[in-house]
Amino acid sequence: MTLRLHATPQEVMRAVEALQDYARAHKVPDKTAFGLALALEECGSNVVNHALRHDPQQTFQVRIGHTGAELFVELRDPGTEFDPTSARGKKPLAGEDDLPGGWGIDLALRYADEVRYQRDAGENVLRLTKRLQPQPQ
């Protein structure tokens, strides 16, 4: 499933809902779907806020799929080259004077089994993968 989305928070939530529907249709456990949906929301928000600078005329793509053993979400945007996997390391506890944000990639790393970045054809491509446990018969 591929979605072409405008750079708005509403479109990020549309992608999250599509992932949740996809997961239900493919009998992905709720806990697995929740974690990957949270990672998608955080990473999608980063695309909207930083790569595309809240410009609703700009678009990005979200691809959702599975291989049977893995569920994946791939975000593709035409923003300035940025590898979020190299920008880890938010403090584990936020202080009162900390600005909000900065937790997206840490959440993605927590809820996805693999987070890969590449630059392809002038676009940022971030792939979040979650291994699926075999369900009891």
N, C-alpha and C. Protein backbone atom coordinates (compact mmCIF):
# COMPACT_ATOMS: atom_id res chain seq x y z
N MET A 1 0.84 -1.16 0.00
CA MET A 1 0.00 0.00 0.00
C MET A 1 0.90 1.23 0.00
N THR A 2 0.62 2.16 -0.90
CA THR A 2 1.40 3.38 -0.98
C THR A 2 0.47 4.58 -0.88
N LEU A 3 0.83 5.52 -0.02
CA LEU A 3 0.07 6.75 0.17
C LEU A 3 0.93 7.93 -0.23
N ARG A 4 0.36 8.85 -0.99
CA ARG A 4 1.03 10.12 -1.27
C ARG A 4 0.32 11.15 -0.40
N LEU A 5 1.08 11.81 0.47
CA LEU A 5 0.51 12.67 1.49
C LEU A 5 1.05 14.09 1.39
N HIS A 6 0.21 15.05 1.76
CA HIS A 6 0.65 16.44 1.85
C HIS A 6 1.29 16.66 3.22
N ALA A 7 2.14 17.65 3.30
CA ALA A 7 2.92 17.91 4.52
C ALA A 7 2.07 18.61 5.57
N THR A 8 1.12 17.85 6.15
CA THR A 8 0.28 18.37 7.24
C THR A 8 0.17 17.31 8.33
N PRO A 9 -0.08 17.74 9.55
CA PRO A 9 -0.27 16.77 10.64
C PRO A 9 -1.46 15.83 10.38
N GLN A 10 -2.50 16.34 9.73
CA GLN A 10 -3.67 15.51 9.42
C GLN A 10 -3.30 14.36 8.49
N GLU A 11 -2.42 14.63 7.55
CA GLU A 11 -1.99 13.58 6.62
C GLU A 11 -1.13 12.54 7.32
N VAL A 12 -0.33 12.97 8.29
CA VAL A 12 0.45 12.01 9.07
C VAL A 12 -0.51 11.07 9.79
N MET A 13 -1.56 11.62 10.38
CA MET A 13 -2.53 10.78 11.09
C MET A 13 -3.29 9.87 10.12
N ARG A 14 -3.50 10.32 8.90
CA ARG A 14 -4.13 9.46 7.89
C ARG A 14 -3.23 8.26 7.61
N ALA A 15 -1.93 8.47 7.56
CA ALA A 15 -0.98 7.36 7.36
C ALA A 15 -1.01 6.41 8.55
N VAL A 16 -1.07 6.95 9.77
CA VAL A 16 -1.14 6.12 10.97
C VAL A 16 -2.40 5.25 10.94
N GLU A 17 -3.53 5.85 10.60
CA GLU A 17 -4.78 5.09 10.51
C GLU A 17 -4.71 4.01 9.43
N ALA A 18 -4.08 4.33 8.31
CA ALA A 18 -3.92 3.34 7.24
C ALA A 18 -3.07 2.17 7.72
N LEU A 19 -2.01 2.45 8.47
CA LEU A 19 -1.17 1.39 9.03
C LEU A 19 -1.97 0.52 9.99
N GLN A 20 -2.75 1.15 10.85
CA GLN A 20 -3.57 0.39 11.80
C GLN A 20 -4.58 -0.50 11.08
N ASP A 21 -5.22 0.04 10.04
CA ASP A 21 -6.18 -0.76 9.25
C ASP A 21 -5.46 -1.92 8.56
N TYR A 22 -4.30 -1.63 7.98
CA TYR A 22 -3.51 -2.65 7.30
C TYR A 22 -3.13 -3.76 8.28
N ALA A 23 -2.68 -3.37 9.47
CA ALA A 23 -2.26 -4.34 10.48
C ALA A 23 -3.44 -5.22 10.90
N ARG A 24 -4.60 -4.60 11.11
CA ARG A 24 -5.79 -5.39 11.48
C ARG A 24 -6.15 -6.38 10.38
N ALA A 25 -6.12 -5.92 9.15
CA ALA A 25 -6.48 -6.78 8.01
C ALA A 25 -5.52 -7.95 7.85
N HIS A 26 -4.27 -7.76 8.28
CA HIS A 26 -3.26 -8.82 8.15
C HIS A 26 -2.98 -9.52 9.48
N LYS A 27 -3.88 -9.30 10.45
CA LYS A 27 -3.84 -9.99 11.75
C LYS A 27 -2.51 -9.79 12.49
N VAL A 28 -1.99 -8.57 12.39
CA VAL A 28 -0.79 -8.21 13.14
C VAL A 28 -1.22 -7.93 14.58
N PRO A 29 -0.53 -8.46 15.58
CA PRO A 29 -0.90 -8.21 16.97
C PRO A 29 -0.99 -6.71 17.28
N ASP A 30 -1.96 -6.34 18.12
CA ASP A 30 -2.19 -4.93 18.45
C ASP A 30 -0.94 -4.25 19.01
N LYS A 31 -0.21 -4.93 19.87
CA LYS A 31 0.98 -4.34 20.48
C LYS A 31 2.04 -4.00 19.41
N THR A 32 2.21 -4.89 18.46
CA THR A 32 3.16 -4.67 17.37
C THR A 32 2.71 -3.49 16.52
N ALA A 33 1.43 -3.47 16.17
CA ALA A 33 0.89 -2.39 15.34
C ALA A 33 0.99 -1.05 16.06
N PHE A 34 0.70 -1.04 17.36
CA PHE A 34 0.75 0.21 18.13
C PHE A 34 2.16 0.81 18.10
N GLY A 35 3.17 -0.01 18.36
CA GLY A 35 4.54 0.48 18.38
C GLY A 35 4.98 1.04 17.04
N LEU A 36 4.66 0.32 15.97
CA LEU A 36 5.06 0.79 14.64
C LEU A 36 4.26 2.03 14.26
N ALA A 37 3.00 2.12 14.67
CA ALA A 37 2.19 3.31 14.39
C ALA A 37 2.76 4.53 15.12
N LEU A 38 3.21 4.34 16.35
CA LEU A 38 3.83 5.43 17.09
C LEU A 38 5.11 5.90 16.39
N ALA A 39 5.91 4.95 15.95
CA ALA A 39 7.14 5.29 15.23
C ALA A 39 6.82 6.03 13.93
N LEU A 40 5.79 5.59 13.20
CA LEU A 40 5.37 6.26 11.97
C LEU A 40 4.91 7.68 12.27
N GLU A 41 4.12 7.86 13.32
CA GLU A 41 3.64 9.20 13.67
C GLU A 41 4.81 10.14 13.97
N GLU A 42 5.78 9.67 14.74
CA GLU A 42 6.93 10.50 15.08
C GLU A 42 7.77 10.83 13.85
N CYS A 43 8.07 9.82 13.05
CA CYS A 43 8.91 10.05 11.88
C CYS A 43 8.17 10.87 10.82
N GLY A 44 6.88 10.60 10.64
CA GLY A 44 6.08 11.40 9.71
C GLY A 44 6.00 12.85 10.13
N SER A 45 5.86 13.09 11.43
CA SER A 45 5.84 14.47 11.94
C SER A 45 7.17 15.16 11.66
N ASN A 46 8.27 14.43 11.80
CA ASN A 46 9.57 15.02 11.49
C ASN A 46 9.68 15.39 10.02
N VAL A 47 9.14 14.56 9.14
CA VAL A 47 9.15 14.88 7.71
C VAL A 47 8.38 16.17 7.47
N VAL A 48 7.16 16.26 8.02
CA VAL A 48 6.32 17.44 7.84
C VAL A 48 6.99 18.68 8.42
N ASN A 49 7.48 18.57 9.65
CA ASN A 49 8.00 19.75 10.36
C ASN A 49 9.37 20.20 9.87
N HIS A 50 10.24 19.26 9.55
CA HIS A 50 11.62 19.62 9.26
C HIS A 50 11.96 19.50 7.77
N ALA A 51 11.71 18.36 7.18
CA ALA A 51 12.09 18.17 5.77
C ALA A 51 11.25 19.03 4.84
N LEU A 52 9.94 19.13 5.12
CA LEU A 52 9.04 19.84 4.21
C LEU A 52 8.54 21.16 4.79
N ARG A 53 8.99 21.50 5.97
CA ARG A 53 8.75 22.80 6.60
C ARG A 53 7.30 23.25 6.61
N HIS A 54 6.41 22.35 6.94
CA HIS A 54 4.97 22.64 7.09
C HIS A 54 4.32 23.16 5.80
N ASP A 55 4.93 22.91 4.66
CA ASP A 55 4.38 23.42 3.39
C ASP A 55 3.39 22.39 2.83
N PRO A 56 2.08 22.65 2.94
CA PRO A 56 1.08 21.67 2.49
C PRO A 56 1.10 21.42 0.99
N GLN A 57 1.82 22.23 0.24
CA GLN A 57 1.97 21.97 -1.19
C GLN A 57 2.98 20.86 -1.45
N GLN A 58 3.87 20.64 -0.49
CA GLN A 58 4.87 19.58 -0.61
C GLN A 58 4.21 18.24 -0.28
N THR A 59 4.72 17.19 -0.89
CA THR A 59 4.19 15.85 -0.62
C THR A 59 5.32 14.90 -0.24
N PHE A 60 4.92 13.86 0.46
CA PHE A 60 5.82 12.77 0.78
C PHE A 60 5.05 11.47 0.63
N GLN A 61 5.76 10.39 0.66
CA GLN A 61 5.15 9.08 0.40
C GLN A 61 5.37 8.16 1.59
N VAL A 62 4.34 7.38 1.91
CA VAL A 62 4.44 6.34 2.93
C VAL A 62 4.01 5.03 2.28
N ARG A 63 4.88 4.05 2.39
CA ARG A 63 4.57 2.71 1.86
C ARG A 63 4.51 1.75 3.03
N ILE A 64 3.45 0.95 3.06
CA ILE A 64 3.22 -0.02 4.13
C ILE A 64 3.12 -1.39 3.48
N GLY A 65 3.81 -2.37 4.06
CA GLY A 65 3.73 -3.71 3.50
C GLY A 65 4.26 -4.74 4.47
N HIS A 66 4.18 -5.97 4.06
CA HIS A 66 4.74 -7.04 4.88
C HIS A 66 5.21 -8.17 3.98
N THR A 67 6.13 -8.94 4.52
CA THR A 67 6.70 -10.06 3.78
C THR A 67 6.25 -11.39 4.37
N GLY A 68 5.36 -11.34 5.33
CA GLY A 68 4.97 -12.54 6.05
C GLY A 68 5.70 -12.63 7.37
N ALA A 69 7.00 -12.39 7.35
CA ALA A 69 7.81 -12.43 8.56
C ALA A 69 8.07 -11.04 9.13
N GLU A 70 7.81 -9.98 8.33
CA GLU A 70 8.08 -8.62 8.75
C GLU A 70 6.99 -7.68 8.28
N LEU A 71 6.73 -6.67 9.08
CA LEU A 71 5.86 -5.56 8.71
C LEU A 71 6.78 -4.36 8.55
N PHE A 72 6.59 -3.58 7.46
CA PHE A 72 7.47 -2.44 7.27
C PHE A 72 6.68 -1.19 6.89
N VAL A 73 7.28 -0.07 7.22
CA VAL A 73 6.79 1.25 6.82
C VAL A 73 7.97 1.98 6.23
N GLU A 74 7.78 2.54 5.05
CA GLU A 74 8.85 3.30 4.40
C GLU A 74 8.35 4.71 4.14
N LEU A 75 9.09 5.70 4.62
CA LEU A 75 8.78 7.10 4.39
C LEU A 75 9.78 7.64 3.38
N ARG A 76 9.28 8.36 2.39
CA ARG A 76 10.13 8.91 1.34
C ARG A 76 9.77 10.38 1.16
N ASP A 77 10.78 11.27 1.28
CA ASP A 77 10.51 12.70 1.13
C ASP A 77 11.61 13.37 0.31
N PRO A 78 11.26 14.48 -0.37
CA PRO A 78 12.23 15.19 -1.20
C PRO A 78 13.00 16.27 -0.46
N GLY A 79 12.98 16.26 0.86
CA GLY A 79 13.65 17.29 1.64
C GLY A 79 15.17 17.21 1.55
N THR A 80 15.81 18.16 2.20
CA THR A 80 17.27 18.18 2.28
C THR A 80 17.77 16.88 2.89
N GLU A 81 18.89 16.39 2.39
CA GLU A 81 19.43 15.13 2.89
C GLU A 81 19.64 15.19 4.40
N PHE A 82 19.07 14.19 5.09
CA PHE A 82 19.21 14.11 6.54
C PHE A 82 19.02 12.66 6.96
N ASP A 83 20.03 12.13 7.63
CA ASP A 83 19.98 10.75 8.13
C ASP A 83 19.60 10.79 9.61
N PRO A 84 18.33 10.52 9.94
CA PRO A 84 17.92 10.60 11.34
C PRO A 84 18.58 9.54 12.22
N THR A 85 19.07 8.46 11.62
CA THR A 85 19.70 7.42 12.43
C THR A 85 21.05 7.88 12.98
N SER A 86 21.60 8.94 12.41
CA SER A 86 22.87 9.47 12.92
C SER A 86 22.63 10.59 13.94
N ALA A 87 21.36 10.91 14.22
CA ALA A 87 21.03 12.01 15.13
C ALA A 87 20.40 11.50 16.42
N ARG A 88 20.86 10.38 16.91
CA ARG A 88 20.32 9.80 18.15
C ARG A 88 20.91 10.49 19.36
N GLY A 89 20.33 10.14 20.53
CA GLY A 89 21.00 10.54 21.75
C GLY A 89 20.30 11.59 22.57
N LYS A 90 19.00 11.67 22.53
CA LYS A 90 18.28 12.58 23.42
C LYS A 90 18.53 12.13 24.85
N LYS A 91 18.59 13.10 25.76
CA LYS A 91 18.76 12.74 27.17
C LYS A 91 17.63 11.81 27.61
N PRO A 92 17.92 10.82 28.45
CA PRO A 92 16.88 9.88 28.85
C PRO A 92 15.75 10.52 29.64
N LEU A 93 16.02 11.59 30.37
CA LEU A 93 14.98 12.28 31.13
C LEU A 93 14.98 13.74 30.73
N ALA A 94 13.80 14.28 30.45
CA ALA A 94 13.69 15.67 30.07
C ALA A 94 13.61 16.55 31.31
N GLY A 95 14.27 17.68 31.24
CA GLY A 95 14.19 18.66 32.32
C GLY A 95 13.08 19.66 32.04
N GLU A 96 12.76 20.46 33.03
CA GLU A 96 11.69 21.44 32.87
C GLU A 96 11.98 22.46 31.79
N ASP A 97 13.25 22.76 31.55
CA ASP A 97 13.59 23.78 30.57
C ASP A 97 13.84 23.21 29.17
N ASP A 98 13.67 21.90 28.98
CA ASP A 98 13.86 21.29 27.66
C ASP A 98 12.72 21.68 26.73
N LEU A 99 13.08 21.93 25.48
CA LEU A 99 12.06 22.18 24.47
C LEU A 99 11.42 20.85 24.10
N PRO A 100 10.14 20.89 23.69
CA PRO A 100 9.51 19.63 23.28
C PRO A 100 10.15 19.10 22.01
N GLY A 101 10.02 17.80 21.80
CA GLY A 101 10.52 17.20 20.57
C GLY A 101 11.87 16.54 20.76
N GLY A 102 12.37 15.98 19.66
CA GLY A 102 13.67 15.34 19.69
C GLY A 102 13.66 13.88 20.07
N TRP A 103 12.49 13.30 20.24
CA TRP A 103 12.39 11.91 20.69
C TRP A 103 12.02 10.96 19.55
N GLY A 104 11.72 11.47 18.38
CA GLY A 104 11.19 10.65 17.29
C GLY A 104 12.04 9.46 16.92
N ILE A 105 13.32 9.67 16.64
CA ILE A 105 14.15 8.55 16.20
C ILE A 105 14.38 7.57 17.35
N ASP A 106 14.45 8.07 18.58
CA ASP A 106 14.60 7.17 19.72
C ASP A 106 13.37 6.27 19.86
N LEU A 107 12.18 6.84 19.65
CA LEU A 107 10.96 6.02 19.69
C LEU A 107 10.95 5.01 18.55
N ALA A 108 11.35 5.45 17.36
CA ALA A 108 11.39 4.53 16.22
C ALA A 108 12.34 3.38 16.51
N LEU A 109 13.51 3.69 17.07
CA LEU A 109 14.48 2.65 17.39
C LEU A 109 13.96 1.70 18.47
N ARG A 110 13.14 2.23 19.36
CA ARG A 110 12.59 1.39 20.43
C ARG A 110 11.52 0.43 19.90
N TYR A 111 10.67 0.91 18.99
CA TYR A 111 9.53 0.12 18.56
C TYR A 111 9.74 -0.65 17.26
N ALA A 112 10.77 -0.32 16.52
CA ALA A 112 11.07 -1.06 15.29
C ALA A 112 12.28 -1.95 15.54
N ASP A 113 12.32 -3.08 14.89
CA ASP A 113 13.48 -3.97 15.02
C ASP A 113 14.65 -3.48 14.16
N GLU A 114 14.31 -2.74 13.11
CA GLU A 114 15.36 -2.22 12.23
C GLU A 114 14.90 -0.87 11.70
N VAL A 115 15.81 0.10 11.72
CA VAL A 115 15.57 1.43 11.16
C VAL A 115 16.72 1.70 10.21
N ARG A 116 16.39 1.85 8.93
CA ARG A 116 17.44 2.08 7.92
C ARG A 116 17.15 3.35 7.16
N TYR A 117 18.20 4.11 6.88
CA TYR A 117 18.10 5.32 6.08
C TYR A 117 18.96 5.17 4.84
N GLN A 118 18.47 5.74 3.75
CA GLN A 118 19.30 5.88 2.55
C GLN A 118 18.82 7.09 1.77
N ARG A 119 19.69 7.61 0.96
CA ARG A 119 19.34 8.70 0.05
C ARG A 119 19.21 8.05 -1.31
N ASP A 120 18.04 8.20 -1.95
CA ASP A 120 17.78 7.53 -3.21
C ASP A 120 17.08 8.49 -4.16
N ALA A 121 17.68 8.71 -5.31
CA ALA A 121 17.10 9.56 -6.35
C ALA A 121 16.71 10.93 -5.80
N GLY A 122 17.58 11.51 -4.96
CA GLY A 122 17.34 12.83 -4.41
C GLY A 122 16.31 12.88 -3.30
N GLU A 123 15.98 11.73 -2.73
CA GLU A 123 14.98 11.69 -1.66
C GLU A 123 15.54 10.96 -0.44
N ASN A 124 15.04 11.37 0.73
CA ASN A 124 15.31 10.66 1.97
C ASN A 124 14.38 9.46 2.02
N VAL A 125 14.92 8.31 2.36
CA VAL A 125 14.12 7.09 2.49
C VAL A 125 14.43 6.49 3.85
N LEU A 126 13.40 6.42 4.70
CA LEU A 126 13.54 5.85 6.02
C LEU A 126 12.63 4.64 6.10
N ARG A 127 13.21 3.49 6.40
CA ARG A 127 12.45 2.24 6.46
C ARG A 127 12.46 1.70 7.89
N LEU A 128 11.27 1.50 8.43
CA LEU A 128 11.06 0.94 9.76
C LEU A 128 10.54 -0.47 9.59
N THR A 129 11.19 -1.43 10.19
CA THR A 129 10.80 -2.84 10.04
C THR A 129 10.57 -3.45 11.41
N LYS A 130 9.50 -4.23 11.51
CA LYS A 130 9.18 -4.96 12.73
C LYS A 130 9.02 -6.43 12.37
N ARG A 131 9.80 -7.28 13.03
CA ARG A 131 9.66 -8.72 12.80
C ARG A 131 8.36 -9.21 13.44
N LEU A 132 7.66 -10.08 12.76
CA LEU A 132 6.40 -10.62 13.26
C LEU A 132 6.65 -12.00 13.85
N GLN A 133 6.11 -12.23 15.02
CA GLN A 133 6.22 -13.53 15.66
C GLN A 133 5.16 -14.45 15.06
N PRO A 134 5.50 -15.70 14.81
CA PRO A 134 4.49 -16.63 14.30
C PRO A 134 3.35 -16.75 15.32
N GLN A 135 2.12 -16.72 14.82
CA GLN A 135 0.96 -16.84 15.71
C GLN A 135 0.63 -18.30 15.94
N PRO A 136 0.25 -18.65 17.18
CA PRO A 136 -0.11 -20.04 17.49
C PRO A 136 -1.30 -20.49 16.65
N GLN A 137 -1.27 -21.72 16.24
CA GLN A 137 -2.36 -22.28 15.41
C GLN A 137 -3.55 -22.63 16.23
